[in-house]
Amino acid sequence: STKRSDFLLKAIVVSEIIKKSTKSEYVGVMLPALQSSTLLILSIYIAGKKPVMLNWTVGNKVLEHCIEVSEIDTIISAEKFIKKIV
């Protein structure tokens, strides 16, 4: 269907941006569970990377540990989401 084709095309375009934005094997994702999150996760896989879902509610110390252990150099989020949680 057209919706699936559009979704896949968007994921491919975003995957190219991700490839250029990070050298790490892992990409952090800190977003609420939305359709756009699904597109982002698929894009990360298409880019040949692995998504690491980060939960801000665990606190800074645990979050920093997860980032360090995973060797994440990029975290993808949304400005509105960050403003809401900070």
PDB file of N, CA and C in Angstrom:
ATOM      1  N   SER A   1       0.826  -1.187   0.000  1.00  0.00           N
ATOM      2  CA  SER A   1       0.000   0.000   0.000  1.00  0.00           C
ATOM      3  C   SER A   1       0.872   1.252   0.000  1.00  0.00           C
ATOM      4  N   THR A   2       0.290   2.365  -0.318  1.00  0.00           N
ATOM      5  CA  THR A   2       1.010   3.633  -0.382  1.00  0.00           C
ATOM      6  C   THR A   2       1.529   4.050   0.989  1.00  0.00           C
ATOM      7  N   LYS A   3       0.723   3.828   2.035  1.00  0.00           N
ATOM      8  CA  LYS A   3       1.149   4.203   3.387  1.00  0.00           C
ATOM      9  C   LYS A   3       2.408   3.440   3.786  1.00  0.00           C
ATOM     10  N   ARG A   4       2.460   2.151   3.490  1.00  0.00           N
ATOM     11  CA  ARG A   4       3.643   1.347   3.814  1.00  0.00           C
ATOM     12  C   ARG A   4       4.845   1.818   3.027  1.00  0.00           C
ATOM     13  N   SER A   5       4.641   2.110   1.754  1.00  0.00           N
ATOM     14  CA  SER A   5       5.736   2.589   0.907  1.00  0.00           C
ATOM     15  C   SER A   5       6.270   3.922   1.422  1.00  0.00           C
ATOM     16  N   ASP A   6       5.374   4.818   1.789  1.00  0.00           N
ATOM     17  CA  ASP A   6       5.782   6.120   2.332  1.00  0.00           C
ATOM     18  C   ASP A   6       6.548   5.951   3.638  1.00  0.00           C
ATOM     19  N   PHE A   7       6.065   5.055   4.499  1.00  0.00           N
ATOM     20  CA  PHE A   7       6.711   4.793   5.784  1.00  0.00           C
ATOM     21  C   PHE A   7       8.123   4.266   5.563  1.00  0.00           C
ATOM     22  N   LEU A   8       8.263   3.297   4.654  1.00  0.00           N
ATOM     23  CA  LEU A   8       9.564   2.713   4.363  1.00  0.00           C
ATOM     24  C   LEU A   8      10.504   3.736   3.737  1.00  0.00           C
ATOM     25  N   LEU A   9      10.002   4.549   2.837  1.00  0.00           N
ATOM     26  CA  LEU A   9      10.824   5.584   2.215  1.00  0.00           C
ATOM     27  C   LEU A   9      11.324   6.581   3.261  1.00  0.00           C
ATOM     28  N   LYS A  10      10.461   6.990   4.168  1.00  0.00           N
ATOM     29  CA  LYS A  10      10.874   7.892   5.253  1.00  0.00           C
ATOM     30  C   LYS A  10      11.951   7.240   6.110  1.00  0.00           C
ATOM     31  N   ALA A  11      11.778   5.950   6.414  1.00  0.00           N
ATOM     32  CA  ALA A  11      12.757   5.229   7.231  1.00  0.00           C
ATOM     33  C   ALA A  11      14.110   5.170   6.532  1.00  0.00           C
ATOM     34  N   ILE A  12      14.114   4.977   5.235  1.00  0.00           N
ATOM     35  CA  ILE A  12      15.367   4.924   4.472  1.00  0.00           C
ATOM     36  C   ILE A  12      16.056   6.284   4.485  1.00  0.00           C
ATOM     37  N   VAL A  13      15.298   7.351   4.292  1.00  0.00           N
ATOM     38  CA  VAL A  13      15.870   8.708   4.322  1.00  0.00           C
ATOM     39  C   VAL A  13      16.461   9.005   5.693  1.00  0.00           C
ATOM     40  N   VAL A  14      15.725   8.695   6.754  1.00  0.00           N
ATOM     41  CA  VAL A  14      16.222   8.936   8.115  1.00  0.00           C
ATOM     42  C   VAL A  14      17.439   8.067   8.396  1.00  0.00           C
ATOM     43  N   SER A  15      17.481   6.856   7.866  1.00  0.00           N
ATOM     44  CA  SER A  15      18.637   5.976   8.088  1.00  0.00           C
ATOM     45  C   SER A  15      19.911   6.582   7.508  1.00  0.00           C
ATOM     46  N   GLU A  16      19.802   7.259   6.398  1.00  0.00           N
ATOM     47  CA  GLU A  16      20.979   7.914   5.806  1.00  0.00           C
ATOM     48  C   GLU A  16      21.495   9.028   6.712  1.00  0.00           C
ATOM     49  N   ILE A  17      20.590   9.768   7.317  1.00  0.00           N
ATOM     50  CA  ILE A  17      20.977  10.826   8.263  1.00  0.00           C
ATOM     51  C   ILE A  17      21.669  10.208   9.476  1.00  0.00           C
ATOM     52  N   ILE A  18      21.131   9.112   9.951  1.00  0.00           N
ATOM     53  CA  ILE A  18      21.711   8.431  11.111  1.00  0.00           C
ATOM     54  C   ILE A  18      23.117   7.933  10.789  1.00  0.00           C
ATOM     55  N   LYS A  19      23.306   7.332   9.618  1.00  0.00           N
ATOM     56  CA  LYS A  19      24.629   6.833   9.215  1.00  0.00           C
ATOM     57  C   LYS A  19      25.671   7.948   9.264  1.00  0.00           C
ATOM     58  N   LYS A  20      25.270   9.148   8.836  1.00  0.00           N
ATOM     59  CA  LYS A  20      26.194  10.283   8.788  1.00  0.00           C
ATOM     60  C   LYS A  20      26.400  10.930  10.159  1.00  0.00           C
ATOM     61  N   SER A  21      25.477  10.675  11.091  1.00  0.00           N
ATOM     62  CA  SER A  21      25.492  11.371  12.377  1.00  0.00           C
ATOM     63  C   SER A  21      26.233  10.637  13.490  1.00  0.00           C
ATOM     64  N   THR A  22      26.486   9.356  13.323  1.00  0.00           N
ATOM     65  CA  THR A  22      27.105   8.587  14.397  1.00  0.00           C
ATOM     66  C   THR A  22      28.047   7.526  13.861  1.00  0.00           C
ATOM     67  N   LYS A  23      29.113   7.313  14.596  1.00  0.00           N
ATOM     68  CA  LYS A  23      30.044   6.253  14.257  1.00  0.00           C
ATOM     69  C   LYS A  23      29.812   5.022  15.134  1.00  0.00           C
ATOM     70  N   SER A  24      29.116   5.214  16.235  1.00  0.00           N
ATOM     71  CA  SER A  24      28.874   4.143  17.187  1.00  0.00           C
ATOM     72  C   SER A  24      27.945   3.084  16.610  1.00  0.00           C
ATOM     73  N   GLU A  25      28.091   1.861  17.093  1.00  0.00           N
ATOM     74  CA  GLU A  25      27.208   0.769  16.687  1.00  0.00           C
ATOM     75  C   GLU A  25      25.813   0.953  17.281  1.00  0.00           C
ATOM     76  N   TYR A  26      25.747   1.675  18.405  1.00  0.00           N
ATOM     77  CA  TYR A  26      24.497   1.869  19.130  1.00  0.00           C
ATOM     78  C   TYR A  26      24.038   3.317  19.057  1.00  0.00           C
ATOM     79  N   VAL A  27      22.724   3.499  18.924  1.00  0.00           N
ATOM     80  CA  VAL A  27      22.131   4.831  18.861  1.00  0.00           C
ATOM     81  C   VAL A  27      21.084   4.928  19.966  1.00  0.00           C
ATOM     82  N   GLY A  28      21.229   5.917  20.837  1.00  0.00           N
ATOM     83  CA  GLY A  28      20.268   6.115  21.909  1.00  0.00           C
ATOM     84  C   GLY A  28      18.976   6.725  21.395  1.00  0.00           C
ATOM     85  N   VAL A  29      17.868   6.273  21.944  1.00  0.00           N
ATOM     86  CA  VAL A  29      16.546   6.804  21.590  1.00  0.00           C
ATOM     87  C   VAL A  29      15.831   7.126  22.897  1.00  0.00           C
ATOM     88  N   MET A  30      15.439   8.383  23.039  1.00  0.00           N
ATOM     89  CA  MET A  30      14.701   8.789  24.225  1.00  0.00           C
ATOM     90  C   MET A  30      13.449   9.536  23.766  1.00  0.00           C
ATOM     91  N   LEU A  31      12.409   8.753  23.505  1.00  0.00           N
ATOM     92  CA  LEU A  31      11.143   9.281  23.010  1.00  0.00           C
ATOM     93  C   LEU A  31       9.998   8.490  23.630  1.00  0.00           C
ATOM     94  N   PRO A  32       8.823   9.096  23.715  1.00  0.00           N
ATOM     95  CA  PRO A  32       7.658   8.319  24.135  1.00  0.00           C
ATOM     96  C   PRO A  32       7.277   7.327  23.026  1.00  0.00           C
ATOM     97  N   ALA A  33       6.489   6.338  23.357  1.00  0.00           N
ATOM     98  CA  ALA A  33       6.071   5.322  22.378  1.00  0.00           C
ATOM     99  C   ALA A  33       5.036   5.919  21.420  1.00  0.00           C
ATOM    100  N   LEU A  34       5.496   6.320  20.282  1.00  0.00           N
ATOM    101  CA  LEU A  34       4.646   6.905  19.245  1.00  0.00           C
ATOM    102  C   LEU A  34       4.962   6.247  17.911  1.00  0.00           C
ATOM    103  N   GLN A  35       4.153   6.523  16.899  1.00  0.00           N
ATOM    104  CA  GLN A  35       4.432   5.980  15.568  1.00  0.00           C
ATOM    105  C   GLN A  35       5.779   6.478  15.059  1.00  0.00           C
ATOM    106  N   SER A  36       6.129   7.718  15.371  1.00  0.00           N
ATOM    107  CA  SER A  36       7.415   8.248  14.931  1.00  0.00           C
ATOM    108  C   SER A  36       8.581   7.490  15.568  1.00  0.00           C
ATOM    109  N   SER A  37       8.382   6.969  16.774  1.00  0.00           N
ATOM    110  CA  SER A  37       9.410   6.156  17.429  1.00  0.00           C
ATOM    111  C   SER A  37       9.628   4.865  16.654  1.00  0.00           C
ATOM    112  N   THR A  38       8.560   4.287  16.168  1.00  0.00           N
ATOM    113  CA  THR A  38       8.653   3.059  15.369  1.00  0.00           C
ATOM    114  C   THR A  38       9.448   3.328  14.101  1.00  0.00           C
ATOM    115  N   LEU A  39       9.174   4.438  13.450  1.00  0.00           N
ATOM    116  CA  LEU A  39       9.903   4.809  12.240  1.00  0.00           C
ATOM    117  C   LEU A  39      11.387   5.001  12.561  1.00  0.00           C
ATOM    118  N   LEU A  40      11.669   5.634  13.673  1.00  0.00           N
ATOM    119  CA  LEU A  40      13.047   5.884  14.070  1.00  0.00           C
ATOM    120  C   LEU A  40      13.786   4.576  14.355  1.00  0.00           C
ATOM    121  N   ILE A  41      13.158   3.662  15.063  1.00  0.00           N
ATOM    122  CA  ILE A  41      13.794   2.376  15.370  1.00  0.00           C
ATOM    123  C   ILE A  41      14.094   1.605  14.086  1.00  0.00           C
ATOM    124  N   LEU A  42      13.143   1.567  13.173  1.00  0.00           N
ATOM    125  CA  LEU A  42      13.365   0.912  11.883  1.00  0.00           C
ATOM    126  C   LEU A  42      14.512   1.583  11.132  1.00  0.00           C
ATOM    127  N   SER A  43      14.554   2.901  11.158  1.00  0.00           N
ATOM    128  CA  SER A  43      15.611   3.654  10.484  1.00  0.00           C
ATOM    129  C   SER A  43      16.989   3.301  11.042  1.00  0.00           C
ATOM    130  N   ILE A  44      17.061   3.138  12.342  1.00  0.00           N
ATOM    131  CA  ILE A  44      18.330   2.785  12.981  1.00  0.00           C
ATOM    132  C   ILE A  44      18.786   1.408  12.506  1.00  0.00           C
ATOM    133  N   TYR A  45      17.869   0.457  12.453  1.00  0.00           N
ATOM    134  CA  TYR A  45      18.225  -0.876  11.950  1.00  0.00           C
ATOM    135  C   TYR A  45      18.656  -0.824  10.486  1.00  0.00           C
ATOM    136  N   ILE A  46      17.936  -0.075   9.666  1.00  0.00           N
ATOM    137  CA  ILE A  46      18.299   0.058   8.247  1.00  0.00           C
ATOM    138  C   ILE A  46      19.690   0.674   8.102  1.00  0.00           C
ATOM    139  N   ALA A  47      20.039   1.571   9.021  1.00  0.00           N
ATOM    140  CA  ALA A  47      21.363   2.210   8.997  1.00  0.00           C
ATOM    141  C   ALA A  47      22.470   1.244   9.438  1.00  0.00           C
ATOM    142  N   GLY A  48      22.084   0.028   9.841  1.00  0.00           N
ATOM    143  CA  GLY A  48      23.070  -0.949  10.274  1.00  0.00           C
ATOM    144  C   GLY A  48      23.497  -0.761  11.723  1.00  0.00           C
ATOM    145  N   LYS A  49      22.684  -0.044  12.484  1.00  0.00           N
ATOM    146  CA  LYS A  49      22.976   0.249  13.886  1.00  0.00           C
ATOM    147  C   LYS A  49      21.957  -0.465  14.774  1.00  0.00           C
ATOM    148  N   LYS A  50      22.182  -0.365  16.089  1.00  0.00           N
ATOM    149  CA  LYS A  50      21.263  -0.975  17.054  1.00  0.00           C
ATOM    150  C   LYS A  50      20.687   0.115  17.951  1.00  0.00           C
ATOM    151  N   PRO A  51      19.365   0.173  18.058  1.00  0.00           N
ATOM    152  CA  PRO A  51      18.748   1.175  18.934  1.00  0.00           C
ATOM    153  C   PRO A  51      18.866   0.770  20.400  1.00  0.00           C
ATOM    154  N   VAL A  52      19.110   1.760  21.241  1.00  0.00           N
ATOM    155  CA  VAL A  52      19.118   1.559  22.687  1.00  0.00           C
ATOM    156  C   VAL A  52      18.055   2.492  23.250  1.00  0.00           C
ATOM    157  N   MET A  53      16.984   1.898  23.739  1.00  0.00           N
ATOM    158  CA  MET A  53      15.893   2.692  24.276  1.00  0.00           C
ATOM    159  C   MET A  53      16.285   3.182  25.666  1.00  0.00           C
ATOM    160  N   LEU A  54      16.319   4.477  25.851  1.00  0.00           N
ATOM    161  CA  LEU A  54      16.711   5.091  27.112  1.00  0.00           C
ATOM    162  C   LEU A  54      15.481   5.630  27.820  1.00  0.00           C
ATOM    163  N   ASN A  55      15.364   5.300  29.088  1.00  0.00           N
ATOM    164  CA  ASN A  55      14.215   5.726  29.883  1.00  0.00           C
ATOM    165  C   ASN A  55      14.686   6.776  30.896  1.00  0.00           C
ATOM    166  N   TRP A  56      14.234   7.981  30.746  1.00  0.00           N
ATOM    167  CA  TRP A  56      14.690   9.089  31.590  1.00  0.00           C
ATOM    168  C   TRP A  56      14.282   8.913  33.045  1.00  0.00           C
ATOM    169  N   THR A  57      13.298   8.070  33.322  1.00  0.00           N
ATOM    170  CA  THR A  57      12.816   7.926  34.702  1.00  0.00           C
ATOM    171  C   THR A  57      13.780   7.147  35.596  1.00  0.00           C
ATOM    172  N   VAL A  58      14.796   6.524  35.027  1.00  0.00           N
ATOM    173  CA  VAL A  58      15.742   5.754  35.846  1.00  0.00           C
ATOM    174  C   VAL A  58      16.703   6.645  36.621  1.00  0.00           C
ATOM    175  N   GLY A  59      16.763   7.921  36.258  1.00  0.00           N
ATOM    176  CA  GLY A  59      17.653   8.858  36.931  1.00  0.00           C
ATOM    177  C   GLY A  59      18.964   9.030  36.177  1.00  0.00           C
ATOM    178  N   ASN A  60      19.633  10.145  36.468  1.00  0.00           N
ATOM    179  CA  ASN A  60      20.848  10.500  35.724  1.00  0.00           C
ATOM    180  C   ASN A  60      21.971   9.480  35.843  1.00  0.00           C
ATOM    181  N   LYS A  61      22.200   8.970  37.058  1.00  0.00           N
ATOM    182  CA  LYS A  61      23.310   8.049  37.276  1.00  0.00           C
ATOM    183  C   LYS A  61      23.155   6.772  36.435  1.00  0.00           C
ATOM    184  N   VAL A  62      21.976   6.169  36.463  1.00  0.00           N
ATOM    185  CA  VAL A  62      21.723   4.948  35.693  1.00  0.00           C
ATOM    186  C   VAL A  62      21.744   5.245  34.202  1.00  0.00           C
ATOM    187  N   LEU A  63      21.148   6.363  33.814  1.00  0.00           N
ATOM    188  CA  LEU A  63      21.129   6.757  32.411  1.00  0.00           C
ATOM    189  C   LEU A  63      22.543   6.955  31.883  1.00  0.00           C
ATOM    190  N   GLU A  64      23.376   7.658  32.634  1.00  0.00           N
ATOM    191  CA  GLU A  64      24.772   7.864  32.227  1.00  0.00           C
ATOM    192  C   GLU A  64      25.522   6.539  32.133  1.00  0.00           C
ATOM    193  N   HIS A  65      25.257   5.616  33.045  1.00  0.00           N
ATOM    194  CA  HIS A  65      25.889   4.299  32.998  1.00  0.00           C
ATOM    195  C   HIS A  65      25.490   3.547  31.727  1.00  0.00           C
ATOM    196  N   CYS A  66      24.213   3.568  31.389  1.00  0.00           N
ATOM    197  CA  CYS A  66      23.729   2.895  30.175  1.00  0.00           C
ATOM    198  C   CYS A  66      24.401   3.473  28.925  1.00  0.00           C
ATOM    199  N   ILE A  67      24.528   4.780  28.886  1.00  0.00           N
ATOM    200  CA  ILE A  67      25.149   5.451  27.744  1.00  0.00           C
ATOM    201  C   ILE A  67      26.623   5.055  27.647  1.00  0.00           C
ATOM    202  N   GLU A  68      27.296   5.038  28.786  1.00  0.00           N
ATOM    203  CA  GLU A  68      28.725   4.696  28.814  1.00  0.00           C
ATOM    204  C   GLU A  68      28.953   3.239  28.397  1.00  0.00           C
ATOM    205  N   VAL A  69      28.202   2.323  28.970  1.00  0.00           N
ATOM    206  CA  VAL A  69      28.359   0.899  28.680  1.00  0.00           C
ATOM    207  C   VAL A  69      28.072   0.601  27.207  1.00  0.00           C
ATOM    208  N   SER A  70      27.077   1.268  26.650  1.00  0.00           N
ATOM    209  CA  SER A  70      26.692   1.040  25.255  1.00  0.00           C
ATOM    210  C   SER A  70      27.579   1.798  24.269  1.00  0.00           C
ATOM    211  N   GLU A  71      28.431   2.671  24.795  1.00  0.00           N
ATOM    212  CA  GLU A  71      29.296   3.507  23.949  1.00  0.00           C
ATOM    213  C   GLU A  71      28.483   4.310  22.935  1.00  0.00           C
ATOM    214  N   ILE A  72      27.354   4.837  23.423  1.00  0.00           N
ATOM    215  CA  ILE A  72      26.478   5.663  22.590  1.00  0.00           C
ATOM    216  C   ILE A  72      27.123   7.034  22.404  1.00  0.00           C
ATOM    217  N   ASP A  73      27.192   7.500  21.152  1.00  0.00           N
ATOM    218  CA  ASP A  73      27.684   8.858  20.920  1.00  0.00           C
ATOM    219  C   ASP A  73      26.587   9.785  20.400  1.00  0.00           C
ATOM    220  N   THR A  74      25.401   9.221  20.196  1.00  0.00           N
ATOM    221  CA  THR A  74      24.265  10.003  19.699  1.00  0.00           C
ATOM    222  C   THR A  74      22.988   9.533  20.389  1.00  0.00           C
ATOM    223  N   ILE A  75      22.219  10.504  20.878  1.00  0.00           N
ATOM    224  CA  ILE A  75      20.899  10.207  21.431  1.00  0.00           C
ATOM    225  C   ILE A  75      19.885  11.020  20.640  1.00  0.00           C
ATOM    226  N   ILE A  76      18.898  10.335  20.118  1.00  0.00           N
ATOM    227  CA  ILE A  76      17.858  11.005  19.344  1.00  0.00           C
ATOM    228  C   ILE A  76      16.637  11.191  20.240  1.00  0.00           C
ATOM    229  N   SER A  77      16.142  12.410  20.267  1.00  0.00           N
ATOM    230  CA  SER A  77      14.968  12.736  21.055  1.00  0.00           C
ATOM    231  C   SER A  77      14.218  13.852  20.337  1.00  0.00           C
ATOM    232  N   ALA A  78      13.268  14.437  21.029  1.00  0.00           N
ATOM    233  CA  ALA A  78      12.496  15.545  20.473  1.00  0.00           C
ATOM    234  C   ALA A  78      12.526  16.692  21.465  1.00  0.00           C
ATOM    235  N   GLU A  79      12.676  17.889  20.963  1.00  0.00           N
ATOM    236  CA  GLU A  79      12.763  19.076  21.818  1.00  0.00           C
ATOM    237  C   GLU A  79      11.553  19.178  22.750  1.00  0.00           C
ATOM    238  N   LYS A  80      10.360  18.937  22.236  1.00  0.00           N
ATOM    239  CA  LYS A  80       9.145  19.010  23.076  1.00  0.00           C
ATOM    240  C   LYS A  80       9.193  17.997  24.217  1.00  0.00           C
ATOM    241  N   PHE A  81       9.688  16.799  23.914  1.00  0.00           N
ATOM    242  CA  PHE A  81       9.783  15.756  24.924  1.00  0.00           C
ATOM    243  C   PHE A  81      10.796  16.143  25.989  1.00  0.00           C
ATOM    244  N   ILE A  82      11.944  16.640  25.579  1.00  0.00           N
ATOM    245  CA  ILE A  82      12.994  17.053  26.522  1.00  0.00           C
ATOM    246  C   ILE A  82      12.477  18.178  27.422  1.00  0.00           C
ATOM    247  N   LYS A  83      11.803  19.156  26.838  1.00  0.00           N
ATOM    248  CA  LYS A  83      11.248  20.267  27.639  1.00  0.00           C
ATOM    249  C   LYS A  83      10.229  19.769  28.651  1.00  0.00           C
ATOM    250  N   LYS A  84       9.493  18.738  28.283  1.00  0.00           N
ATOM    251  CA  LYS A  84       8.463  18.194  29.167  1.00  0.00           C
ATOM    252  C   LYS A  84       9.074  17.452  30.351  1.00  0.00           C
ATOM    253  N   ILE A  85      10.185  16.768  30.149  1.00  0.00           N
ATOM    254  CA  ILE A  85      10.764  15.944  31.212  1.00  0.00           C
ATOM    255  C   ILE A  85      11.788  16.672  32.067  1.00  0.00           C
ATOM    256  N   VAL A  86      12.287  17.800  31.590  1.00  0.00           N
ATOM    257  CA  VAL A  86      13.334  18.507  32.342  1.00  0.00           C
ATOM    258  C   VAL A  86      12.729  19.442  33.373  1.00  0.00           C
TER     259      VAL A  86
END
